[in-house]
Amino acid sequence: GQLQGFNIDLARAICAEIEAQCTIQPRRWELLLPALDINEGDAVIASHRIDGDLRRRFEVSQPVYRVPARFAGHKDGAIRSADAQALQGRSIAVVGGSRHEAYLNALFPAVRIERFASAEGALEAMRRRRVDLAFGDAIAIAFWLNGSESLDCCTFIGGAYADSRFFGEGAGIVMRKGNIPLRQAIDDALTRMSRDGRFARLYLKHFPVPFY
């Protein structure tokens, strides 16, 4: 009967760090930011992606985490490196029309792109060896790798790609415009938690296969 999850645990840790008595309220996604506008909440922690429009309308914390892209492939596969030269001619599953496809077109022009309607479809095609690798949102892939649908077949191949031109600044905590003291307090708390290892421990609790 208790709320659980990465954002919930992080919110509680921040509240303890800034010595604030916090009440965590679940809201439907579309009602989260309007709750700030009508003073029904002080901050929203729901992995909102940081962009120019969000910054214009609200105060936004430093990125809680960035959302990189990564390749995934079979654990017993021949591909061990994900640089452009090693992937020449390889087939890569990706969501068609996505920023991940745009990234491949820009930086991996020699791969063969196989387009799918969903990330699940791309990952399933990779699992069934219809393509060599899948490429996409590292968080979604990490959940898939940890879940039952992967059948423990696969792993990340190569490192993370976090080019902000394609994948944005990351996800942040959102507050009412002008509430600079709260934003600074939350930023300071995140910095301290990162430096002493608390954030890393919290992250690994919820993402045992790290997406970085």
N, C-alpha and C. Protein backbone atom coordinates (compact mmCIF):
# COMPACT_ATOMS: atom_id res chain seq x y z
N GLY A 1 0.79 -1.23 0.00
CA GLY A 1 0.00 0.00 0.00
C GLY A 1 0.82 1.27 0.00
N GLN A 2 2.15 1.14 -0.13
CA GLN A 2 3.02 2.31 -0.11
C GLN A 2 3.56 2.61 -1.52
N LEU A 3 3.68 3.89 -1.82
CA LEU A 3 4.30 4.28 -3.08
C LEU A 3 5.76 3.83 -3.10
N GLN A 4 6.19 3.30 -4.24
CA GLN A 4 7.56 2.83 -4.38
C GLN A 4 8.12 3.26 -5.73
N GLY A 5 9.45 3.26 -5.82
CA GLY A 5 10.10 3.56 -7.09
C GLY A 5 11.28 4.48 -6.91
N PHE A 6 12.04 4.64 -7.97
CA PHE A 6 13.25 5.47 -7.92
C PHE A 6 12.92 6.90 -7.53
N ASN A 7 11.95 7.51 -8.20
CA ASN A 7 11.62 8.90 -7.91
C ASN A 7 11.09 9.07 -6.49
N ILE A 8 10.33 8.09 -6.00
CA ILE A 8 9.81 8.17 -4.63
C ILE A 8 10.96 8.15 -3.63
N ASP A 9 11.87 7.20 -3.79
CA ASP A 9 13.00 7.11 -2.86
C ASP A 9 13.88 8.35 -2.95
N LEU A 10 14.07 8.86 -4.16
CA LEU A 10 14.90 10.06 -4.32
C LEU A 10 14.24 11.26 -3.66
N ALA A 11 12.92 11.40 -3.83
CA ALA A 11 12.21 12.51 -3.19
C ALA A 11 12.36 12.46 -1.68
N ARG A 12 12.21 11.27 -1.11
CA ARG A 12 12.34 11.14 0.34
C ARG A 12 13.76 11.45 0.80
N ALA A 13 14.74 11.03 0.03
CA ALA A 13 16.14 11.31 0.39
C ALA A 13 16.43 12.81 0.33
N ILE A 14 15.90 13.49 -0.68
CA ILE A 14 16.11 14.94 -0.79
C ILE A 14 15.44 15.66 0.37
N CYS A 15 14.23 15.26 0.70
CA CYS A 15 13.52 15.89 1.82
C CYS A 15 14.30 15.73 3.12
N ALA A 16 14.86 14.54 3.34
CA ALA A 16 15.66 14.34 4.54
C ALA A 16 16.92 15.20 4.51
N GLU A 17 17.52 15.33 3.34
CA GLU A 17 18.76 16.09 3.22
C GLU A 17 18.54 17.57 3.50
N ILE A 18 17.41 18.12 3.05
CA ILE A 18 17.15 19.55 3.27
C ILE A 18 16.31 19.78 4.52
N GLU A 19 16.10 18.70 5.29
CA GLU A 19 15.36 18.77 6.56
C GLU A 19 13.98 19.38 6.38
N ALA A 20 13.26 18.83 5.39
CA ALA A 20 11.90 19.30 5.11
C ALA A 20 10.91 18.17 5.38
N GLN A 21 9.76 18.51 5.93
CA GLN A 21 8.67 17.56 6.11
C GLN A 21 7.87 17.53 4.81
N CYS A 22 7.97 16.44 4.08
CA CYS A 22 7.36 16.38 2.75
C CYS A 22 6.19 15.40 2.72
N THR A 23 5.20 15.75 1.93
CA THR A 23 4.09 14.86 1.61
C THR A 23 4.17 14.52 0.14
N ILE A 24 4.21 13.25 -0.18
CA ILE A 24 4.30 12.81 -1.58
C ILE A 24 2.92 12.43 -2.06
N GLN A 25 2.46 13.10 -3.11
CA GLN A 25 1.11 12.91 -3.63
C GLN A 25 1.18 12.37 -5.06
N PRO A 26 0.54 11.25 -5.33
CA PRO A 26 0.48 10.76 -6.72
C PRO A 26 -0.56 11.55 -7.52
N ARG A 27 -0.22 11.89 -8.72
CA ARG A 27 -1.15 12.57 -9.64
C ARG A 27 -1.00 11.93 -11.03
N ARG A 28 -2.06 12.03 -11.81
CA ARG A 28 -1.94 11.62 -13.21
C ARG A 28 -0.93 12.53 -13.89
N TRP A 29 -0.24 11.99 -14.88
CA TRP A 29 0.85 12.72 -15.54
C TRP A 29 0.43 14.11 -15.98
N GLU A 30 -0.73 14.20 -16.63
CA GLU A 30 -1.15 15.48 -17.20
C GLU A 30 -1.53 16.51 -16.14
N LEU A 31 -1.66 16.08 -14.87
CA LEU A 31 -2.03 17.00 -13.80
C LEU A 31 -0.83 17.41 -12.94
N LEU A 32 0.34 16.87 -13.22
CA LEU A 32 1.49 17.15 -12.37
C LEU A 32 1.93 18.61 -12.46
N LEU A 33 2.25 19.08 -13.64
CA LEU A 33 2.73 20.46 -13.76
C LEU A 33 1.63 21.49 -13.47
N PRO A 34 0.37 21.26 -13.89
CA PRO A 34 -0.69 22.20 -13.48
C PRO A 34 -0.84 22.32 -11.97
N ALA A 35 -0.49 21.28 -11.22
CA ALA A 35 -0.57 21.37 -9.75
C ALA A 35 0.37 22.43 -9.22
N LEU A 36 1.51 22.63 -9.87
CA LEU A 36 2.41 23.71 -9.45
C LEU A 36 1.78 25.07 -9.71
N ASP A 37 1.13 25.21 -10.85
CA ASP A 37 0.55 26.50 -11.24
C ASP A 37 -0.54 26.95 -10.26
N ILE A 38 -1.26 26.00 -9.68
CA ILE A 38 -2.34 26.37 -8.77
C ILE A 38 -1.95 26.15 -7.31
N ASN A 39 -0.64 26.05 -7.08
CA ASN A 39 -0.09 26.01 -5.72
C ASN A 39 -0.55 24.78 -4.93
N GLU A 40 -0.73 23.66 -5.62
CA GLU A 40 -1.10 22.42 -4.94
C GLU A 40 0.12 21.51 -4.74
N GLY A 41 1.29 22.03 -5.02
CA GLY A 41 2.51 21.28 -4.80
C GLY A 41 3.69 22.23 -4.94
N ASP A 42 4.80 21.86 -4.32
CA ASP A 42 6.00 22.69 -4.39
C ASP A 42 6.99 22.20 -5.44
N ALA A 43 6.99 20.90 -5.69
CA ALA A 43 7.94 20.33 -6.65
C ALA A 43 7.32 19.08 -7.26
N VAL A 44 7.71 18.80 -8.47
CA VAL A 44 7.27 17.60 -9.18
C VAL A 44 8.49 16.78 -9.53
N ILE A 45 8.50 15.53 -9.12
CA ILE A 45 9.59 14.62 -9.47
C ILE A 45 8.98 13.45 -10.22
N ALA A 46 9.11 13.49 -11.54
CA ALA A 46 8.48 12.46 -12.38
C ALA A 46 9.26 12.28 -13.68
N SER A 47 10.56 12.53 -13.62
CA SER A 47 11.43 12.33 -14.78
C SER A 47 11.03 13.18 -15.98
N HIS A 48 10.64 14.43 -15.71
CA HIS A 48 10.36 15.35 -16.82
C HIS A 48 11.66 15.67 -17.57
N ARG A 49 11.59 15.56 -18.86
CA ARG A 49 12.77 15.85 -19.68
C ARG A 49 12.99 17.35 -19.76
N ILE A 50 14.22 17.76 -19.53
CA ILE A 50 14.57 19.18 -19.51
C ILE A 50 14.72 19.69 -20.93
N ASP A 51 14.03 20.77 -21.24
CA ASP A 51 14.20 21.44 -22.52
C ASP A 51 13.92 22.94 -22.33
N GLY A 52 14.06 23.69 -23.40
CA GLY A 52 13.88 25.13 -23.31
C GLY A 52 12.50 25.54 -22.86
N ASP A 53 11.47 24.85 -23.32
CA ASP A 53 10.11 25.20 -22.95
C ASP A 53 9.88 24.97 -21.46
N LEU A 54 10.38 23.85 -20.93
CA LEU A 54 10.21 23.59 -19.49
C LEU A 54 10.93 24.64 -18.67
N ARG A 55 12.12 25.04 -19.08
CA ARG A 55 12.87 26.07 -18.35
C ARG A 55 12.18 27.43 -18.40
N ARG A 56 11.52 27.74 -19.50
CA ARG A 56 10.82 29.02 -19.60
C ARG A 56 9.62 29.08 -18.65
N ARG A 57 8.97 27.96 -18.45
CA ARG A 57 7.73 27.93 -17.66
C ARG A 57 7.97 27.68 -16.18
N PHE A 58 9.08 27.01 -15.84
CA PHE A 58 9.28 26.57 -14.46
C PHE A 58 10.74 26.70 -14.06
N GLU A 59 10.98 26.61 -12.75
CA GLU A 59 12.33 26.37 -12.25
C GLU A 59 12.61 24.87 -12.38
N VAL A 60 13.81 24.52 -12.85
CA VAL A 60 14.15 23.11 -13.07
C VAL A 60 15.49 22.84 -12.41
N SER A 61 15.56 21.73 -11.70
CA SER A 61 16.81 21.36 -11.02
C SER A 61 17.88 20.97 -12.02
N GLN A 62 19.08 20.78 -11.51
CA GLN A 62 20.11 20.15 -12.32
C GLN A 62 19.61 18.77 -12.74
N PRO A 63 20.15 18.21 -13.81
CA PRO A 63 19.67 16.88 -14.23
C PRO A 63 19.83 15.84 -13.13
N VAL A 64 18.75 15.15 -12.82
CA VAL A 64 18.82 14.04 -11.89
C VAL A 64 19.59 12.89 -12.54
N TYR A 65 19.31 12.68 -13.79
CA TYR A 65 20.09 11.74 -14.60
C TYR A 65 19.89 12.12 -16.06
N ARG A 66 20.85 11.77 -16.85
CA ARG A 66 20.71 11.93 -18.29
C ARG A 66 20.17 10.63 -18.86
N VAL A 67 19.59 10.73 -20.05
CA VAL A 67 18.98 9.56 -20.68
C VAL A 67 19.77 9.22 -21.93
N PRO A 68 20.84 8.46 -21.77
CA PRO A 68 21.68 8.16 -22.93
C PRO A 68 21.05 7.11 -23.84
N ALA A 69 21.65 6.94 -24.98
CA ALA A 69 21.29 5.85 -25.89
C ALA A 69 22.38 4.79 -25.82
N ARG A 70 21.99 3.53 -26.04
CA ARG A 70 22.97 2.44 -26.02
C ARG A 70 22.57 1.35 -26.99
N PHE A 71 23.58 0.58 -27.38
CA PHE A 71 23.36 -0.62 -28.17
C PHE A 71 23.16 -1.81 -27.23
N ALA A 72 22.37 -2.77 -27.67
CA ALA A 72 22.22 -4.03 -26.95
C ALA A 72 22.33 -5.18 -27.94
N GLY A 73 22.93 -6.27 -27.48
CA GLY A 73 23.08 -7.44 -28.32
C GLY A 73 23.20 -8.70 -27.49
N HIS A 74 23.31 -9.82 -28.15
CA HIS A 74 23.38 -11.11 -27.46
C HIS A 74 24.69 -11.25 -26.69
N LYS A 75 24.57 -11.86 -25.51
CA LYS A 75 25.76 -12.10 -24.69
C LYS A 75 26.77 -12.98 -25.41
N ASP A 76 26.29 -13.93 -26.22
CA ASP A 76 27.18 -14.84 -26.91
C ASP A 76 27.44 -14.42 -28.35
N GLY A 77 27.11 -13.16 -28.67
CA GLY A 77 27.29 -12.68 -30.03
C GLY A 77 28.74 -12.33 -30.35
N ALA A 78 29.00 -12.14 -31.63
CA ALA A 78 30.36 -11.84 -32.08
C ALA A 78 30.73 -10.38 -31.90
N ILE A 79 29.72 -9.52 -31.72
CA ILE A 79 29.99 -8.08 -31.64
C ILE A 79 30.33 -7.72 -30.20
N ARG A 80 31.52 -7.18 -30.01
CA ARG A 80 31.96 -6.77 -28.67
C ARG A 80 32.24 -5.28 -28.58
N SER A 81 32.32 -4.63 -29.72
CA SER A 81 32.59 -3.19 -29.77
C SER A 81 31.49 -2.51 -30.54
N ALA A 82 31.18 -1.26 -30.17
CA ALA A 82 30.09 -0.53 -30.82
C ALA A 82 30.59 0.74 -31.49
N ASP A 83 31.86 0.77 -31.91
CA ASP A 83 32.32 1.95 -32.64
C ASP A 83 31.88 1.84 -34.10
N ALA A 84 31.93 2.95 -34.79
CA ALA A 84 31.40 3.02 -36.15
C ALA A 84 32.08 2.04 -37.10
N GLN A 85 33.38 1.86 -36.94
CA GLN A 85 34.10 0.95 -37.82
C GLN A 85 33.69 -0.50 -37.59
N ALA A 86 33.54 -0.90 -36.32
CA ALA A 86 33.19 -2.28 -36.00
C ALA A 86 31.78 -2.64 -36.47
N LEU A 87 30.91 -1.63 -36.59
CA LEU A 87 29.51 -1.90 -36.94
C LEU A 87 29.21 -1.73 -38.42
N GLN A 88 30.21 -1.50 -39.22
CA GLN A 88 29.98 -1.34 -40.66
C GLN A 88 29.25 -2.56 -41.22
N GLY A 89 28.14 -2.30 -41.90
CA GLY A 89 27.38 -3.37 -42.53
C GLY A 89 26.49 -4.15 -41.59
N ARG A 90 26.55 -3.89 -40.30
CA ARG A 90 25.71 -4.61 -39.34
C ARG A 90 24.28 -4.07 -39.37
N SER A 91 23.32 -4.94 -39.07
CA SER A 91 21.91 -4.53 -39.03
C SER A 91 21.56 -4.08 -37.62
N ILE A 92 20.95 -2.90 -37.52
CA ILE A 92 20.62 -2.29 -36.24
C ILE A 92 19.12 -2.01 -36.18
N ALA A 93 18.44 -2.55 -35.17
CA ALA A 93 17.02 -2.29 -34.97
C ALA A 93 16.84 -0.99 -34.19
N VAL A 94 15.92 -0.16 -34.65
CA VAL A 94 15.69 1.13 -34.01
C VAL A 94 14.25 1.55 -34.26
N VAL A 95 13.71 2.39 -33.40
CA VAL A 95 12.36 2.92 -33.63
C VAL A 95 12.41 3.92 -34.78
N GLY A 96 11.61 3.68 -35.79
CA GLY A 96 11.62 4.54 -36.97
C GLY A 96 11.19 5.96 -36.65
N GLY A 97 11.92 6.93 -37.19
CA GLY A 97 11.60 8.34 -37.00
C GLY A 97 12.02 8.90 -35.66
N SER A 98 12.72 8.12 -34.85
CA SER A 98 13.12 8.56 -33.52
C SER A 98 14.44 9.32 -33.57
N ARG A 99 14.78 9.95 -32.43
CA ARG A 99 16.07 10.63 -32.33
C ARG A 99 17.21 9.61 -32.39
N HIS A 100 16.91 8.38 -32.02
CA HIS A 100 17.94 7.34 -32.09
C HIS A 100 18.26 6.99 -33.55
N GLU A 101 17.23 6.96 -34.39
CA GLU A 101 17.49 6.75 -35.82
C GLU A 101 18.29 7.92 -36.39
N ALA A 102 17.93 9.14 -35.99
CA ALA A 102 18.66 10.32 -36.47
C ALA A 102 20.12 10.26 -36.07
N TYR A 103 20.39 9.79 -34.87
CA TYR A 103 21.77 9.68 -34.39
C TYR A 103 22.54 8.66 -35.22
N LEU A 104 21.93 7.52 -35.49
CA LEU A 104 22.60 6.52 -36.33
C LEU A 104 22.88 7.07 -37.72
N ASN A 105 21.92 7.77 -38.30
CA ASN A 105 22.12 8.34 -39.64
C ASN A 105 23.28 9.32 -39.64
N ALA A 106 23.44 10.08 -38.54
CA ALA A 106 24.47 11.10 -38.49
C ALA A 106 25.85 10.54 -38.19
N LEU A 107 25.94 9.56 -37.28
CA LEU A 107 27.25 9.11 -36.80
C LEU A 107 27.60 7.67 -37.16
N PHE A 108 26.63 6.90 -37.64
CA PHE A 108 26.90 5.52 -38.04
C PHE A 108 26.34 5.29 -39.45
N PRO A 109 26.84 6.03 -40.43
CA PRO A 109 26.23 5.97 -41.78
C PRO A 109 26.41 4.63 -42.47
N ALA A 110 27.32 3.79 -42.00
CA ALA A 110 27.60 2.52 -42.69
C ALA A 110 26.80 1.34 -42.14
N VAL A 111 25.93 1.56 -41.16
CA VAL A 111 25.13 0.46 -40.64
C VAL A 111 23.86 0.31 -41.48
N ARG A 112 23.24 -0.86 -41.37
CA ARG A 112 21.96 -1.12 -42.03
C ARG A 112 20.85 -0.94 -40.99
N ILE A 113 20.05 0.09 -41.15
CA ILE A 113 19.01 0.42 -40.17
C ILE A 113 17.73 -0.36 -40.48
N GLU A 114 17.25 -1.07 -39.47
CA GLU A 114 15.96 -1.76 -39.56
C GLU A 114 14.99 -1.04 -38.65
N ARG A 115 13.92 -0.48 -39.21
CA ARG A 115 13.01 0.38 -38.46
C ARG A 115 11.82 -0.41 -37.91
N PHE A 116 11.46 -0.08 -36.66
CA PHE A 116 10.33 -0.74 -36.00
C PHE A 116 9.41 0.32 -35.41
N ALA A 117 8.16 -0.08 -35.17
CA ALA A 117 7.18 0.87 -34.65
C ALA A 117 7.36 1.14 -33.17
N SER A 118 8.04 0.26 -32.45
CA SER A 118 8.20 0.41 -31.00
C SER A 118 9.55 -0.11 -30.55
N ALA A 119 9.98 0.34 -29.37
CA ALA A 119 11.23 -0.17 -28.79
C ALA A 119 11.11 -1.66 -28.49
N GLU A 120 9.92 -2.09 -28.05
CA GLU A 120 9.73 -3.51 -27.75
C GLU A 120 9.91 -4.36 -29.01
N GLY A 121 9.39 -3.86 -30.13
CA GLY A 121 9.55 -4.59 -31.38
C GLY A 121 11.00 -4.69 -31.82
N ALA A 122 11.75 -3.59 -31.63
CA ALA A 122 13.17 -3.59 -31.99
C ALA A 122 13.95 -4.56 -31.12
N LEU A 123 13.67 -4.57 -29.82
CA LEU A 123 14.39 -5.46 -28.91
C LEU A 123 14.04 -6.92 -29.15
N GLU A 124 12.77 -7.18 -29.45
CA GLU A 124 12.37 -8.56 -29.72
C GLU A 124 13.03 -9.08 -31.01
N ALA A 125 13.14 -8.22 -32.02
CA ALA A 125 13.82 -8.63 -33.25
C ALA A 125 15.27 -8.95 -32.98
N MET A 126 15.91 -8.18 -32.11
CA MET A 126 17.30 -8.46 -31.74
C MET A 126 17.39 -9.77 -30.97
N ARG A 127 16.47 -9.97 -30.03
CA ARG A 127 16.50 -11.21 -29.24
C ARG A 127 16.36 -12.43 -30.14
N ARG A 128 15.53 -12.34 -31.17
CA ARG A 128 15.31 -13.45 -32.09
C ARG A 128 16.39 -13.53 -33.18
N ARG A 129 17.40 -12.66 -33.07
CA ARG A 129 18.54 -12.64 -33.98
C ARG A 129 18.14 -12.28 -35.41
N ARG A 130 17.07 -11.54 -35.57
CA ARG A 130 16.70 -11.05 -36.90
C ARG A 130 17.55 -9.85 -37.30
N VAL A 131 18.15 -9.22 -36.30
CA VAL A 131 19.10 -8.13 -36.52
C VAL A 131 20.28 -8.36 -35.60
N ASP A 132 21.38 -7.66 -35.86
CA ASP A 132 22.58 -7.86 -35.05
C ASP A 132 22.48 -7.18 -33.69
N LEU A 133 21.99 -5.93 -33.67
CA LEU A 133 21.91 -5.16 -32.43
C LEU A 133 20.62 -4.34 -32.43
N ALA A 134 20.24 -3.89 -31.24
CA ALA A 134 19.19 -2.89 -31.11
C ALA A 134 19.83 -1.62 -30.54
N PHE A 135 19.26 -0.46 -30.88
CA PHE A 135 19.77 0.82 -30.40
C PHE A 135 18.59 1.66 -29.94
N GLY A 136 18.70 2.22 -28.71
CA GLY A 136 17.59 3.02 -28.23
C GLY A 136 17.84 3.60 -26.86
N ASP A 137 16.75 4.01 -26.21
CA ASP A 137 16.77 4.62 -24.89
C ASP A 137 17.37 3.63 -23.89
N ALA A 138 18.46 4.02 -23.24
CA ALA A 138 19.17 3.10 -22.35
C ALA A 138 18.34 2.69 -21.14
N ILE A 139 17.46 3.58 -20.65
CA ILE A 139 16.63 3.22 -19.50
C ILE A 139 15.64 2.13 -19.90
N ALA A 140 14.98 2.31 -21.04
CA ALA A 140 14.03 1.30 -21.50
C ALA A 140 14.73 -0.03 -21.74
N ILE A 141 15.93 0.03 -22.33
CA ILE A 141 16.67 -1.21 -22.58
C ILE A 141 17.08 -1.87 -21.28
N ALA A 142 17.50 -1.06 -20.29
CA ALA A 142 17.91 -1.63 -19.00
C ALA A 142 16.75 -2.36 -18.34
N PHE A 143 15.55 -1.77 -18.37
CA PHE A 143 14.38 -2.45 -17.81
C PHE A 143 14.11 -3.76 -18.56
N TRP A 144 14.25 -3.73 -19.88
CA TRP A 144 14.01 -4.93 -20.68
C TRP A 144 15.04 -6.00 -20.35
N LEU A 145 16.30 -5.62 -20.23
CA LEU A 145 17.34 -6.59 -19.89
C LEU A 145 17.09 -7.22 -18.52
N ASN A 146 16.56 -6.42 -17.58
CA ASN A 146 16.28 -6.92 -16.23
C ASN A 146 15.00 -7.74 -16.16
N GLY A 147 14.15 -7.59 -17.18
CA GLY A 147 12.84 -8.22 -17.13
C GLY A 147 12.81 -9.61 -17.73
N SER A 148 11.62 -10.21 -17.69
CA SER A 148 11.47 -11.58 -18.16
C SER A 148 11.44 -11.69 -19.67
N GLU A 149 11.07 -10.61 -20.38
CA GLU A 149 10.93 -10.69 -21.83
C GLU A 149 12.26 -10.93 -22.53
N SER A 150 13.35 -10.53 -21.91
CA SER A 150 14.65 -10.71 -22.56
C SER A 150 15.15 -12.15 -22.47
N LEU A 151 14.57 -12.94 -21.56
CA LEU A 151 15.01 -14.33 -21.35
C LEU A 151 16.51 -14.39 -21.04
N ASP A 152 17.03 -13.32 -20.44
CA ASP A 152 18.43 -13.25 -20.05
C ASP A 152 19.37 -13.49 -21.23
N CYS A 153 18.93 -13.03 -22.39
CA CYS A 153 19.69 -13.30 -23.62
C CYS A 153 20.84 -12.33 -23.85
N CYS A 154 20.69 -11.13 -23.33
CA CYS A 154 21.41 -10.02 -23.95
C CYS A 154 22.06 -9.10 -22.92
N THR A 155 22.84 -8.18 -23.44
CA THR A 155 23.55 -7.23 -22.60
C THR A 155 23.81 -5.96 -23.39
N PHE A 156 24.24 -4.90 -22.71
CA PHE A 156 24.67 -3.70 -23.40
C PHE A 156 25.97 -3.98 -24.13
N ILE A 157 26.09 -3.41 -25.30
CA ILE A 157 27.31 -3.51 -26.10
C ILE A 157 27.90 -2.11 -26.24
N GLY A 158 29.16 -1.94 -25.85
CA GLY A 158 29.77 -0.62 -25.93
C GLY A 158 29.27 0.31 -24.84
N GLY A 159 29.59 1.58 -24.99
CA GLY A 159 29.27 2.57 -23.96
C GLY A 159 28.00 3.34 -24.24
N ALA A 160 27.79 4.38 -23.43
CA ALA A 160 26.60 5.21 -23.53
C ALA A 160 26.86 6.42 -24.41
N TYR A 161 25.81 6.84 -25.12
CA TYR A 161 25.87 8.03 -25.98
C TYR A 161 24.91 9.06 -25.41
N ALA A 162 25.44 10.21 -25.00
CA ALA A 162 24.63 11.21 -24.30
C ALA A 162 24.69 12.57 -24.98
N ASP A 163 24.80 12.59 -26.29
CA ASP A 163 24.88 13.84 -27.05
C ASP A 163 23.59 14.64 -26.84
N SER A 164 23.70 15.80 -26.20
CA SER A 164 22.50 16.58 -25.87
C SER A 164 21.78 17.10 -27.11
N ARG A 165 22.48 17.20 -28.24
CA ARG A 165 21.82 17.65 -29.48
C ARG A 165 20.74 16.66 -29.90
N PHE A 166 20.93 15.40 -29.59
CA PHE A 166 19.98 14.37 -29.97
C PHE A 166 19.13 13.90 -28.80
N PHE A 167 19.73 13.79 -27.61
CA PHE A 167 19.08 13.10 -26.51
C PHE A 167 18.71 14.02 -25.35
N GLY A 168 18.92 15.33 -25.50
CA GLY A 168 18.48 16.28 -24.51
C GLY A 168 19.40 16.40 -23.31
N GLU A 169 18.97 17.24 -22.35
CA GLU A 169 19.79 17.52 -21.17
C GLU A 169 19.60 16.51 -20.05
N GLY A 170 18.56 15.70 -20.13
CA GLY A 170 18.27 14.75 -19.06
C GLY A 170 16.94 15.04 -18.41
N ALA A 171 16.72 14.43 -17.25
CA ALA A 171 15.45 14.57 -16.52
C ALA A 171 15.69 15.36 -15.23
N GLY A 172 14.75 16.23 -14.88
CA GLY A 172 14.93 17.07 -13.70
C GLY A 172 13.69 17.16 -12.84
N ILE A 173 13.86 17.81 -11.70
CA ILE A 173 12.77 18.09 -10.77
C ILE A 173 12.24 19.49 -11.08
N VAL A 174 10.93 19.65 -11.09
CA VAL A 174 10.30 20.89 -11.57
C VAL A 174 9.63 21.62 -10.41
N MET A 175 9.81 22.95 -10.39
CA MET A 175 9.22 23.80 -9.36
C MET A 175 8.58 25.03 -9.99
N ARG A 176 7.78 25.76 -9.20
CA ARG A 176 7.17 26.98 -9.72
C ARG A 176 8.23 27.99 -10.12
N LYS A 177 7.94 28.72 -11.18
CA LYS A 177 8.83 29.77 -11.65
C LYS A 177 9.03 30.79 -10.54
N GLY A 178 10.31 31.13 -10.28
CA GLY A 178 10.64 32.11 -9.26
C GLY A 178 11.00 31.52 -7.92
N ASN A 179 10.76 30.22 -7.72
CA ASN A 179 11.10 29.60 -6.44
C ASN A 179 12.57 29.18 -6.47
N ILE A 180 13.42 30.17 -6.54
CA ILE A 180 14.85 29.93 -6.66
C ILE A 180 15.43 29.30 -5.39
N PRO A 181 15.02 29.73 -4.19
CA PRO A 181 15.58 29.09 -2.99
C PRO A 181 15.36 27.57 -2.95
N LEU A 182 14.17 27.12 -3.34
CA LEU A 182 13.91 25.68 -3.33
C LEU A 182 14.76 24.98 -4.39
N ARG A 183 14.86 25.58 -5.57
CA ARG A 183 15.70 24.98 -6.62
C ARG A 183 17.14 24.85 -6.15
N GLN A 184 17.66 25.89 -5.52
CA GLN A 184 19.05 25.85 -5.05
C GLN A 184 19.22 24.80 -3.95
N ALA A 185 18.23 24.68 -3.07
CA ALA A 185 18.31 23.69 -2.00
C ALA A 185 18.31 22.27 -2.57
N ILE A 186 17.46 22.03 -3.56
CA ILE A 186 17.41 20.70 -4.18
C ILE A 186 18.69 20.41 -4.95
N ASP A 187 19.20 21.41 -5.67
CA ASP A 187 20.46 21.21 -6.39
C ASP A 187 21.60 20.89 -5.43
N ASP A 188 21.66 21.61 -4.32
CA ASP A 188 22.71 21.36 -3.33
C ASP A 188 22.58 19.95 -2.74
N ALA A 189 21.34 19.53 -2.49
CA ALA A 189 21.12 18.19 -1.94
C ALA A 189 21.56 17.13 -2.94
N LEU A 190 21.22 17.30 -4.20
CA LEU A 190 21.62 16.33 -5.22
C LEU A 190 23.14 16.26 -5.34
N THR A 191 23.80 17.41 -5.25
CA THR A 191 25.25 17.44 -5.33
C THR A 191 25.88 16.69 -4.17
N ARG A 192 25.40 16.94 -2.96
CA ARG A 192 25.95 16.26 -1.79
C ARG A 192 25.71 14.76 -1.85
N MET A 193 24.52 14.36 -2.27
CA MET A 193 24.20 12.94 -2.37
C MET A 193 25.03 12.24 -3.43
N SER A 194 25.35 12.97 -4.48
CA SER A 194 26.20 12.39 -5.52
C SER A 194 27.63 12.22 -5.04
N ARG A 195 28.13 13.21 -4.33
CA ARG A 195 29.53 13.19 -3.89
C ARG A 195 29.80 12.09 -2.86
N ASP A 196 28.83 11.83 -1.96
CA ASP A 196 29.11 10.84 -0.90
C ASP A 196 28.62 9.43 -1.24
N GLY A 197 28.13 9.24 -2.46
CA GLY A 197 27.77 7.90 -2.91
C GLY A 197 26.33 7.49 -2.66
N ARG A 198 25.54 8.32 -1.98
CA ARG A 198 24.16 7.93 -1.70
C ARG A 198 23.33 7.83 -2.97
N PHE A 199 23.55 8.75 -3.90
CA PHE A 199 22.78 8.70 -5.15
C PHE A 199 23.11 7.42 -5.92
N ALA A 200 24.38 7.05 -5.97
CA ALA A 200 24.78 5.84 -6.69
C ALA A 200 24.13 4.60 -6.09
N ARG A 201 24.06 4.54 -4.76
CA ARG A 201 23.44 3.38 -4.12
C ARG A 201 21.95 3.32 -4.41
N LEU A 202 21.31 4.48 -4.42
CA LEU A 202 19.88 4.54 -4.72
C LEU A 202 19.63 4.13 -6.17
N TYR A 203 20.48 4.61 -7.04
CA TYR A 203 20.36 4.30 -8.47
C TYR A 203 20.50 2.80 -8.71
N LEU A 204 21.50 2.17 -8.10
CA LEU A 204 21.74 0.75 -8.32
C LEU A 204 20.65 -0.12 -7.70
N LYS A 205 19.98 0.39 -6.68
CA LYS A 205 18.85 -0.34 -6.10
C LYS A 205 17.75 -0.54 -7.13
N HIS A 206 17.50 0.48 -7.94
CA HIS A 206 16.40 0.42 -8.90
C HIS A 206 16.85 0.03 -10.30
N PHE A 207 18.12 0.20 -10.59
CA PHE A 207 18.64 -0.14 -11.92
C PHE A 207 19.84 -1.06 -11.75
N PRO A 208 19.60 -2.34 -11.40
CA PRO A 208 20.72 -3.26 -11.17
C PRO A 208 21.57 -3.50 -12.41
N VAL A 209 21.00 -3.35 -13.60
CA VAL A 209 21.79 -3.28 -14.82
C VAL A 209 21.89 -1.79 -15.16
N PRO A 210 22.99 -1.14 -14.81
CA PRO A 210 23.08 0.32 -14.99
C PRO A 210 22.92 0.70 -16.46
N PHE A 211 22.23 1.83 -16.69
CA PHE A 211 22.03 2.24 -18.07
C PHE A 211 23.13 3.17 -18.57
N TYR A 212 24.13 3.45 -17.72
CA TYR A 212 25.30 4.22 -18.17
C TYR A 212 26.43 3.26 -18.53
